[in-house]
Amino acid sequence: AEELYKRALAIQKDPQVMDNLGMLYLATGRYREAKFLYQYVIQHYPEHNDSKLHFAQLLIQERSFDLAETLLLSIGQSRESFLHLASLYNRT
């Protein structure tokens, strides 16, 4: 799957494909690569909220609560962002 995502990205940069690759990295414990990828997506595609949600999950796992909260609040009102904020507030 990773190779297919990378081939697709070689043809065209797509934030959803990058987000999917980031989730693959997370699922396989490659947190550093996921973090780098999510930072890129958020910088270049700030409207891509799925990447913000997934990056916030990673930040919560890393106990970077302030950054995760800022990221989740930037999404606006959505069910997913509220669920992640609730999870964050339960941990702090």
PDB file of N, CA and C in Angstrom:
ATOM      1  N   ALA A   1       0.819  -1.196   0.000  1.00  0.00           N
ATOM      2  CA  ALA A   1       0.000   0.000   0.000  1.00  0.00           C
ATOM      3  C   ALA A   1       0.860   1.257   0.000  1.00  0.00           C
ATOM      4  N   GLU A   2       1.949   1.226   0.769  1.00  0.00           N
ATOM      5  CA  GLU A   2       2.809   2.408   0.844  1.00  0.00           C
ATOM      6  C   GLU A   2       3.353   2.781  -0.530  1.00  0.00           C
ATOM      7  N   GLU A   3       3.789   1.785  -1.264  1.00  0.00           N
ATOM      8  CA  GLU A   3       4.356   2.049  -2.590  1.00  0.00           C
ATOM      9  C   GLU A   3       3.313   2.659  -3.521  1.00  0.00           C
ATOM     10  N   LEU A   4       2.082   2.199  -3.448  1.00  0.00           N
ATOM     11  CA  LEU A   4       1.021   2.757  -4.290  1.00  0.00           C
ATOM     12  C   LEU A   4       0.731   4.207  -3.928  1.00  0.00           C
ATOM     13  N   TYR A   5       0.704   4.511  -2.636  1.00  0.00           N
ATOM     14  CA  TYR A   5       0.510   5.907  -2.220  1.00  0.00           C
ATOM     15  C   TYR A   5       1.632   6.783  -2.757  1.00  0.00           C
ATOM     16  N   LYS A   6       2.855   6.296  -2.658  1.00  0.00           N
ATOM     17  CA  LYS A   6       3.997   7.082  -3.128  1.00  0.00           C
ATOM     18  C   LYS A   6       3.963   7.268  -4.642  1.00  0.00           C
ATOM     19  N   ARG A   7       3.539   6.260  -5.365  1.00  0.00           N
ATOM     20  CA  ARG A   7       3.408   6.404  -6.824  1.00  0.00           C
ATOM     21  C   ARG A   7       2.355   7.443  -7.177  1.00  0.00           C
ATOM     22  N   ALA A   8       1.236   7.387  -6.478  1.00  0.00           N
ATOM     23  CA  ALA A   8       0.173   8.374  -6.727  1.00  0.00           C
ATOM     24  C   ALA A   8       0.670   9.780  -6.430  1.00  0.00           C
ATOM     25  N   LEU A   9       1.432   9.943  -5.364  1.00  0.00           N
ATOM     26  CA  LEU A   9       1.949  11.263  -5.005  1.00  0.00           C
ATOM     27  C   LEU A   9       3.006  11.747  -5.983  1.00  0.00           C
ATOM     28  N   ALA A  10       3.718  10.825  -6.626  1.00  0.00           N
ATOM     29  CA  ALA A  10       4.702  11.217  -7.633  1.00  0.00           C
ATOM     30  C   ALA A  10       4.018  11.816  -8.854  1.00  0.00           C
ATOM     31  N   ILE A  11       2.795  11.381  -9.112  1.00  0.00           N
ATOM     32  CA  ILE A  11       2.028  11.904 -10.244  1.00  0.00           C
ATOM     33  C   ILE A  11       1.397  13.234  -9.887  1.00  0.00           C
ATOM     34  N   GLN A  12       0.797  13.297  -8.704  1.00  0.00           N
ATOM     35  CA  GLN A  12       0.106  14.523  -8.278  1.00  0.00           C
ATOM     36  C   GLN A  12       0.059  14.579  -6.759  1.00  0.00           C
ATOM     37  N   LYS A  13       0.448  15.732  -6.227  1.00  0.00           N
ATOM     38  CA  LYS A  13       0.338  15.938  -4.774  1.00  0.00           C
ATOM     39  C   LYS A  13      -1.139  16.056  -4.430  1.00  0.00           C
ATOM     40  N   ASP A  14      -1.602  15.191  -3.570  1.00  0.00           N
ATOM     41  CA  ASP A  14      -3.004  15.168  -3.170  1.00  0.00           C
ATOM     42  C   ASP A  14      -3.051  15.041  -1.652  1.00  0.00           C
ATOM     43  N   PRO A  15      -3.691  16.000  -0.972  1.00  0.00           N
ATOM     44  CA  PRO A  15      -3.680  15.947   0.493  1.00  0.00           C
ATOM     45  C   PRO A  15      -4.355  14.701   1.063  1.00  0.00           C
ATOM     46  N   GLN A  16      -5.368  14.172   0.388  1.00  0.00           N
ATOM     47  CA  GLN A  16      -6.031  12.970   0.902  1.00  0.00           C
ATOM     48  C   GLN A  16      -5.117  11.757   0.807  1.00  0.00           C
ATOM     49  N   VAL A  17      -4.372  11.662  -0.283  1.00  0.00           N
ATOM     50  CA  VAL A  17      -3.421  10.552  -0.426  1.00  0.00           C
ATOM     51  C   VAL A  17      -2.322  10.677   0.629  1.00  0.00           C
ATOM     52  N   MET A  18      -1.849  11.910   0.861  1.00  0.00           N
ATOM     53  CA  MET A  18      -0.834  12.116   1.901  1.00  0.00           C
ATOM     54  C   MET A  18      -1.384  11.772   3.281  1.00  0.00           C
ATOM     55  N   ASP A  19      -2.642  12.124   3.522  1.00  0.00           N
ATOM     56  CA  ASP A  19      -3.274  11.785   4.798  1.00  0.00           C
ATOM     57  C   ASP A  19      -3.358  10.268   4.958  1.00  0.00           C
ATOM     58  N   ASN A  20      -3.748   9.576   3.907  1.00  0.00           N
ATOM     59  CA  ASN A  20      -3.822   8.109   3.962  1.00  0.00           C
ATOM     60  C   ASN A  20      -2.450   7.498   4.236  1.00  0.00           C
ATOM     61  N   LEU A  21      -1.422   8.043   3.601  1.00  0.00           N
ATOM     62  CA  LEU A  21      -0.064   7.558   3.841  1.00  0.00           C
ATOM     63  C   LEU A  21       0.341   7.830   5.291  1.00  0.00           C
ATOM     64  N   GLY A  22      -0.035   8.984   5.802  1.00  0.00           N
ATOM     65  CA  GLY A  22       0.240   9.299   7.203  1.00  0.00           C
ATOM     66  C   GLY A  22      -0.435   8.318   8.145  1.00  0.00           C
ATOM     67  N   MET A  23      -1.670   7.939   7.838  1.00  0.00           N
ATOM     68  CA  MET A  23      -2.370   6.955   8.672  1.00  0.00           C
ATOM     69  C   MET A  23      -1.678   5.595   8.605  1.00  0.00           C
ATOM     70  N   LEU A  24      -1.166   5.249   7.430  1.00  0.00           N
ATOM     71  CA  LEU A  24      -0.405   4.004   7.297  1.00  0.00           C
ATOM     72  C   LEU A  24       0.847   4.061   8.169  1.00  0.00           C
ATOM     73  N   TYR A  25       1.538   5.188   8.138  1.00  0.00           N
ATOM     74  CA  TYR A  25       2.714   5.350   8.995  1.00  0.00           C
ATOM     75  C   TYR A  25       2.342   5.206  10.472  1.00  0.00           C
ATOM     76  N   LEU A  26       1.236   5.827  10.871  1.00  0.00           N
ATOM     77  CA  LEU A  26       0.794   5.720  12.266  1.00  0.00           C
ATOM     78  C   LEU A  26       0.497   4.271  12.637  1.00  0.00           C
ATOM     79  N   ALA A  27      -0.195   3.576  11.753  1.00  0.00           N
ATOM     80  CA  ALA A  27      -0.595   2.190  12.027  1.00  0.00           C
ATOM     81  C   ALA A  27       0.605   1.255  12.133  1.00  0.00           C
ATOM     82  N   THR A  28       1.705   1.629  11.495  1.00  0.00           N
ATOM     83  CA  THR A  28       2.902   0.778  11.519  1.00  0.00           C
ATOM     84  C   THR A  28       3.970   1.317  12.469  1.00  0.00           C
ATOM     85  N   GLY A  29       3.589   2.284  13.306  1.00  0.00           N
ATOM     86  CA  GLY A  29       4.508   2.793  14.317  1.00  0.00           C
ATOM     87  C   GLY A  29       5.580   3.733  13.804  1.00  0.00           C
ATOM     88  N   ARG A  30       5.404   4.259  12.628  1.00  0.00           N
ATOM     89  CA  ARG A  30       6.397   5.167  12.037  1.00  0.00           C
ATOM     90  C   ARG A  30       5.972   6.616  12.299  1.00  0.00           C
ATOM     91  N   TYR A  31       6.013   6.978  13.568  1.00  0.00           N
ATOM     92  CA  TYR A  31       5.470   8.257  14.018  1.00  0.00           C
ATOM     93  C   TYR A  31       6.246   9.453  13.482  1.00  0.00           C
ATOM     94  N   ARG A  32       7.538   9.319  13.397  1.00  0.00           N
ATOM     95  CA  ARG A  32       8.349  10.437  12.891  1.00  0.00           C
ATOM     96  C   ARG A  32       7.979  10.770  11.448  1.00  0.00           C
ATOM     97  N   GLU A  33       7.831   9.748  10.620  1.00  0.00           N
ATOM     98  CA  GLU A  33       7.453   9.966   9.224  1.00  0.00           C
ATOM     99  C   GLU A  33       6.045  10.538   9.123  1.00  0.00           C
ATOM    100  N   ALA A  34       5.142  10.042   9.955  1.00  0.00           N
ATOM    101  CA  ALA A  34       3.770  10.561   9.962  1.00  0.00           C
ATOM    102  C   ALA A  34       3.764  12.027  10.365  1.00  0.00           C
ATOM    103  N   LYS A  35       4.531  12.358  11.381  1.00  0.00           N
ATOM    104  CA  LYS A  35       4.580  13.739  11.864  1.00  0.00           C
ATOM    105  C   LYS A  35       5.080  14.681  10.773  1.00  0.00           C
ATOM    106  N   PHE A  36       6.159  14.297  10.113  1.00  0.00           N
ATOM    107  CA  PHE A  36       6.711  15.109   9.029  1.00  0.00           C
ATOM    108  C   PHE A  36       5.688  15.298   7.915  1.00  0.00           C
ATOM    109  N   LEU A  37       5.009  14.232   7.542  1.00  0.00           N
ATOM    110  CA  LEU A  37       4.028  14.287   6.463  1.00  0.00           C
ATOM    111  C   LEU A  37       2.840  15.166   6.837  1.00  0.00           C
ATOM    112  N   TYR A  38       2.320  15.010   8.047  1.00  0.00           N
ATOM    113  CA  TYR A  38       1.185  15.828   8.473  1.00  0.00           C
ATOM    114  C   TYR A  38       1.556  17.300   8.565  1.00  0.00           C
ATOM    115  N   GLN A  39       2.759  17.594   9.013  1.00  0.00           N
ATOM    116  CA  GLN A  39       3.192  18.989   9.051  1.00  0.00           C
ATOM    117  C   GLN A  39       3.212  19.583   7.643  1.00  0.00           C
ATOM    118  N   TYR A  40       3.676  18.805   6.681  1.00  0.00           N
ATOM    119  CA  TYR A  40       3.696  19.261   5.289  1.00  0.00           C
ATOM    120  C   TYR A  40       2.277  19.516   4.782  1.00  0.00           C
ATOM    121  N   VAL A  41       1.389  18.566   5.004  1.00  0.00           N
ATOM    122  CA  VAL A  41       0.012  18.705   4.511  1.00  0.00           C
ATOM    123  C   VAL A  41      -0.652  19.935   5.120  1.00  0.00           C
ATOM    124  N   ILE A  42      -0.503  20.116   6.420  1.00  0.00           N
ATOM    125  CA  ILE A  42      -1.164  21.238   7.093  1.00  0.00           C
ATOM    126  C   ILE A  42      -0.593  22.568   6.624  1.00  0.00           C
ATOM    127  N   GLN A  43       0.698  22.596   6.357  1.00  0.00           N
ATOM    128  CA  GLN A  43       1.311  23.835   5.865  1.00  0.00           C
ATOM    129  C   GLN A  43       0.842  24.169   4.451  1.00  0.00           C
ATOM    130  N   HIS A  44       0.747  23.174   3.589  1.00  0.00           N
ATOM    131  CA  HIS A  44       0.415  23.414   2.187  1.00  0.00           C
ATOM    132  C   HIS A  44      -1.074  23.308   1.866  1.00  0.00           C
ATOM    133  N   TYR A  45      -1.819  22.623   2.702  1.00  0.00           N
ATOM    134  CA  TYR A  45      -3.263  22.446   2.506  1.00  0.00           C
ATOM    135  C   TYR A  45      -3.979  22.687   3.836  1.00  0.00           C
ATOM    136  N   PRO A  46      -3.966  23.922   4.323  1.00  0.00           N
ATOM    137  CA  PRO A  46      -4.507  24.201   5.661  1.00  0.00           C
ATOM    138  C   PRO A  46      -5.996  23.905   5.813  1.00  0.00           C
ATOM    139  N   GLU A  47      -6.696  23.746   4.717  1.00  0.00           N
ATOM    140  CA  GLU A  47      -8.125  23.441   4.779  1.00  0.00           C
ATOM    141  C   GLU A  47      -8.397  21.941   4.945  1.00  0.00           C
ATOM    142  N   HIS A  48      -7.361  21.125   4.899  1.00  0.00           N
ATOM    143  CA  HIS A  48      -7.542  19.674   4.969  1.00  0.00           C
ATOM    144  C   HIS A  48      -7.664  19.234   6.428  1.00  0.00           C
ATOM    145  N   ASN A  49      -8.893  19.208   6.905  1.00  0.00           N
ATOM    146  CA  ASN A  49      -9.158  18.957   8.321  1.00  0.00           C
ATOM    147  C   ASN A  49      -8.879  17.525   8.760  1.00  0.00           C
ATOM    148  N   ASP A  50      -9.019  16.555   7.861  1.00  0.00           N
ATOM    149  CA  ASP A  50      -8.716  15.169   8.248  1.00  0.00           C
ATOM    150  C   ASP A  50      -7.265  15.038   8.702  1.00  0.00           C
ATOM    151  N   SER A  51      -6.370  15.704   7.991  1.00  0.00           N
ATOM    152  CA  SER A  51      -4.956  15.656   8.379  1.00  0.00           C
ATOM    153  C   SER A  51      -4.735  16.324   9.727  1.00  0.00           C
ATOM    154  N   LYS A  52      -5.458  17.407   9.979  1.00  0.00           N
ATOM    155  CA  LYS A  52      -5.349  18.066  11.284  1.00  0.00           C
ATOM    156  C   LYS A  52      -5.813  17.127  12.398  1.00  0.00           C
ATOM    157  N   LEU A  53      -6.911  16.425  12.154  1.00  0.00           N
ATOM    158  CA  LEU A  53      -7.417  15.482  13.158  1.00  0.00           C
ATOM    159  C   LEU A  53      -6.418  14.363  13.434  1.00  0.00           C
ATOM    160  N   HIS A  54      -5.873  13.798  12.373  1.00  0.00           N
ATOM    161  CA  HIS A  54      -4.946  12.684  12.542  1.00  0.00           C
ATOM    162  C   HIS A  54      -3.637  13.142  13.184  1.00  0.00           C
ATOM    163  N   PHE A  55      -3.183  14.333  12.817  1.00  0.00           N
ATOM    164  CA  PHE A  55      -1.972  14.860  13.433  1.00  0.00           C
ATOM    165  C   PHE A  55      -2.219  15.149  14.914  1.00  0.00           C
ATOM    166  N   ALA A  56      -3.394  15.662  15.228  1.00  0.00           N
ATOM    167  CA  ALA A  56      -3.737  15.924  16.630  1.00  0.00           C
ATOM    168  C   ALA A  56      -3.726  14.625  17.435  1.00  0.00           C
ATOM    169  N   GLN A  57      -4.203  13.532  16.847  1.00  0.00           N
ATOM    170  CA  GLN A  57      -4.157  12.234  17.535  1.00  0.00           C
ATOM    171  C   GLN A  57      -2.717  11.857  17.873  1.00  0.00           C
ATOM    172  N   LEU A  58      -1.835  12.065  16.915  1.00  0.00           N
ATOM    173  CA  LEU A  58      -0.422  11.771  17.136  1.00  0.00           C
ATOM    174  C   LEU A  58       0.147  12.665  18.237  1.00  0.00           C
ATOM    175  N   LEU A  59      -0.196  13.940  18.195  1.00  0.00           N
ATOM    176  CA  LEU A  59       0.298  14.875  19.203  1.00  0.00           C
ATOM    177  C   LEU A  59      -0.211  14.517  20.599  1.00  0.00           C
ATOM    178  N   ILE A  60      -1.444  14.064  20.685  1.00  0.00           N
ATOM    179  CA  ILE A  60      -1.991  13.644  21.979  1.00  0.00           C
ATOM    180  C   ILE A  60      -1.213  12.436  22.504  1.00  0.00           C
ATOM    181  N   GLN A  61      -0.905  11.494  21.627  1.00  0.00           N
ATOM    182  CA  GLN A  61      -0.108  10.328  22.037  1.00  0.00           C
ATOM    183  C   GLN A  61       1.269  10.751  22.536  1.00  0.00           C
ATOM    184  N   GLU A  62       1.823  11.803  21.906  1.00  0.00           N
ATOM    185  CA  GLU A  62       3.141  12.307  22.302  1.00  0.00           C
ATOM    186  C   GLU A  62       3.064  13.236  23.510  1.00  0.00           C
ATOM    187  N   ARG A  63       1.865  13.463  24.001  1.00  0.00           N
ATOM    188  CA  ARG A  63       1.611  14.346  25.136  1.00  0.00           C
ATOM    189  C   ARG A  63       1.926  15.808  24.812  1.00  0.00           C
ATOM    190  N   SER A  64       1.814  16.176  23.552  1.00  0.00           N
ATOM    191  CA  SER A  64       1.952  17.571  23.124  1.00  0.00           C
ATOM    192  C   SER A  64       0.557  18.188  23.134  1.00  0.00           C
ATOM    193  N   PHE A  65       0.005  18.305  24.331  1.00  0.00           N
ATOM    194  CA  PHE A  65      -1.395  18.670  24.491  1.00  0.00           C
ATOM    195  C   PHE A  65      -1.719  20.075  23.994  1.00  0.00           C
ATOM    196  N   ASP A  66      -0.856  21.038  24.266  1.00  0.00           N
ATOM    197  CA  ASP A  66      -1.140  22.416  23.851  1.00  0.00           C
ATOM    198  C   ASP A  66      -1.221  22.534  22.334  1.00  0.00           C
ATOM    199  N   LEU A  67      -0.275  21.919  21.647  1.00  0.00           N
ATOM    200  CA  LEU A  67      -0.276  21.970  20.185  1.00  0.00           C
ATOM    201  C   LEU A  67      -1.481  21.226  19.613  1.00  0.00           C
ATOM    202  N   ALA A  68      -1.811  20.084  20.193  1.00  0.00           N
ATOM    203  CA  ALA A  68      -2.980  19.327  19.739  1.00  0.00           C
ATOM    204  C   ALA A  68      -4.250  20.144  19.923  1.00  0.00           C
ATOM    205  N   GLU A  69      -4.371  20.808  21.058  1.00  0.00           N
ATOM    206  CA  GLU A  69      -5.556  21.630  21.314  1.00  0.00           C
ATOM    207  C   GLU A  69      -5.663  22.766  20.302  1.00  0.00           C
ATOM    208  N   THR A  70      -4.568  23.456  20.042  1.00  0.00           N
ATOM    209  CA  THR A  70      -4.569  24.547  19.065  1.00  0.00           C
ATOM    210  C   THR A  70      -5.003  24.044  17.700  1.00  0.00           C
ATOM    211  N   LEU A  71      -4.481  22.914  17.313  1.00  0.00           N
ATOM    212  CA  LEU A  71      -4.816  22.327  16.016  1.00  0.00           C
ATOM    213  C   LEU A  71      -6.292  21.956  15.947  1.00  0.00           C
ATOM    214  N   LEU A  72      -6.803  21.325  16.981  1.00  0.00           N
ATOM    215  CA  LEU A  72      -8.212  20.919  16.994  1.00  0.00           C
ATOM    216  C   LEU A  72      -9.144  22.122  17.004  1.00  0.00           C
ATOM    217  N   LEU A  73      -8.782  23.150  17.730  1.00  0.00           N
ATOM    218  CA  LEU A  73      -9.622  24.351  17.759  1.00  0.00           C
ATOM    219  C   LEU A  73      -9.626  25.074  16.417  1.00  0.00           C
ATOM    220  N   SER A  74      -8.562  24.908  15.635  1.00  0.00           N
ATOM    221  CA  SER A  74      -8.498  25.564  14.324  1.00  0.00           C
ATOM    222  C   SER A  74      -9.448  24.934  13.310  1.00  0.00           C
ATOM    223  N   ILE A  75      -9.927  23.737  13.605  1.00  0.00           N
ATOM    224  CA  ILE A  75     -10.823  23.038  12.678  1.00  0.00           C
ATOM    225  C   ILE A  75     -12.211  23.663  12.680  1.00  0.00           C
ATOM    226  N   GLY A  76     -12.602  24.167  13.809  1.00  0.00           N
ATOM    227  CA  GLY A  76     -13.960  24.690  13.911  1.00  0.00           C
ATOM    228  C   GLY A  76     -14.866  23.638  14.514  1.00  0.00           C
ATOM    229  N   GLN A  77     -16.133  23.878  14.396  1.00  0.00           N
ATOM    230  CA  GLN A  77     -17.094  22.988  15.039  1.00  0.00           C
ATOM    231  C   GLN A  77     -17.369  21.770  14.168  1.00  0.00           C
ATOM    232  N   SER A  78     -16.870  20.654  14.637  1.00  0.00           N
ATOM    233  CA  SER A  78     -17.168  19.380  13.980  1.00  0.00           C
ATOM    234  C   SER A  78     -17.226  18.307  15.055  1.00  0.00           C
ATOM    235  N   ARG A  79     -17.973  17.289  14.778  1.00  0.00           N
ATOM    236  CA  ARG A  79     -18.124  16.186  15.731  1.00  0.00           C
ATOM    237  C   ARG A  79     -16.767  15.590  16.082  1.00  0.00           C
ATOM    238  N   GLU A  80     -15.946  15.355  15.052  1.00  0.00           N
ATOM    239  CA  GLU A  80     -14.653  14.718  15.265  1.00  0.00           C
ATOM    240  C   GLU A  80     -13.725  15.577  16.110  1.00  0.00           C
ATOM    241  N   SER A  81     -13.696  16.884  15.825  1.00  0.00           N
ATOM    242  CA  SER A  81     -12.799  17.740  16.604  1.00  0.00           C
ATOM    243  C   SER A  81     -13.247  17.800  18.060  1.00  0.00           C
ATOM    244  N   PHE A  82     -14.561  17.825  18.296  1.00  0.00           N
ATOM    245  CA  PHE A  82     -15.055  17.838  19.671  1.00  0.00           C
ATOM    246  C   PHE A  82     -14.717  16.534  20.400  1.00  0.00           C
ATOM    247  N   LEU A  83     -14.819  15.401  19.699  1.00  0.00           N
ATOM    248  CA  LEU A  83     -14.469  14.117  20.315  1.00  0.00           C
ATOM    249  C   LEU A  83     -12.996  14.073  20.706  1.00  0.00           C
ATOM    250  N   HIS A  84     -12.139  14.574  19.809  1.00  0.00           N
ATOM    251  CA  HIS A  84     -10.711  14.586  20.114  1.00  0.00           C
ATOM    252  C   HIS A  84     -10.384  15.579  21.224  1.00  0.00           C
ATOM    253  N   LEU A  85     -11.080  16.707  21.246  1.00  0.00           N
ATOM    254  CA  LEU A  85     -10.880  17.664  22.336  1.00  0.00           C
ATOM    255  C   LEU A  85     -11.298  17.053  23.671  1.00  0.00           C
ATOM    256  N   ALA A  86     -12.408  16.324  23.675  1.00  0.00           N
ATOM    257  CA  ALA A  86     -12.853  15.662  24.904  1.00  0.00           C
ATOM    258  C   ALA A  86     -11.805  14.655  25.377  1.00  0.00           C
ATOM    259  N   SER A  87     -11.259  13.899  24.442  1.00  0.00           N
ATOM    260  CA  SER A  87     -10.206  12.939  24.778  1.00  0.00           C
ATOM    261  C   SER A  87      -8.985  13.654  25.345  1.00  0.00           C
ATOM    262  N   LEU A  88      -8.646  14.759  24.728  1.00  0.00           N
ATOM    263  CA  LEU A  88      -7.504  15.548  25.189  1.00  0.00           C
ATOM    264  C   LEU A  88      -7.733  16.062  26.603  1.00  0.00           C
ATOM    265  N   TYR A  89      -8.900  16.629  26.849  1.00  0.00           N
ATOM    266  CA  TYR A  89      -9.191  17.203  28.163  1.00  0.00           C
ATOM    267  C   TYR A  89      -9.278  16.126  29.248  1.00  0.00           C
ATOM    268  N   ASN A  90      -9.654  14.907  28.870  1.00  0.00           N
ATOM    269  CA  ASN A  90      -9.670  13.800  29.831  1.00  0.00           C
ATOM    270  C   ASN A  90      -8.264  13.403  30.269  1.00  0.00           C
ATOM    271  N   ARG A  91      -7.290  13.632  29.404  1.00  0.00           N
ATOM    272  CA  ARG A  91      -5.908  13.240  29.699  1.00  0.00           C
ATOM    273  C   ARG A  91      -5.148  14.303  30.480  1.00  0.00           C
ATOM    274  N   THR A  92      -5.643  15.524  30.451  1.00  0.00           N
ATOM    275  CA  THR A  92      -4.897  16.597  31.128  1.00  0.00           C
ATOM    276  C   THR A  92      -5.495  16.916  32.473  1.00  0.00           C
TER     277      THR A  92
END
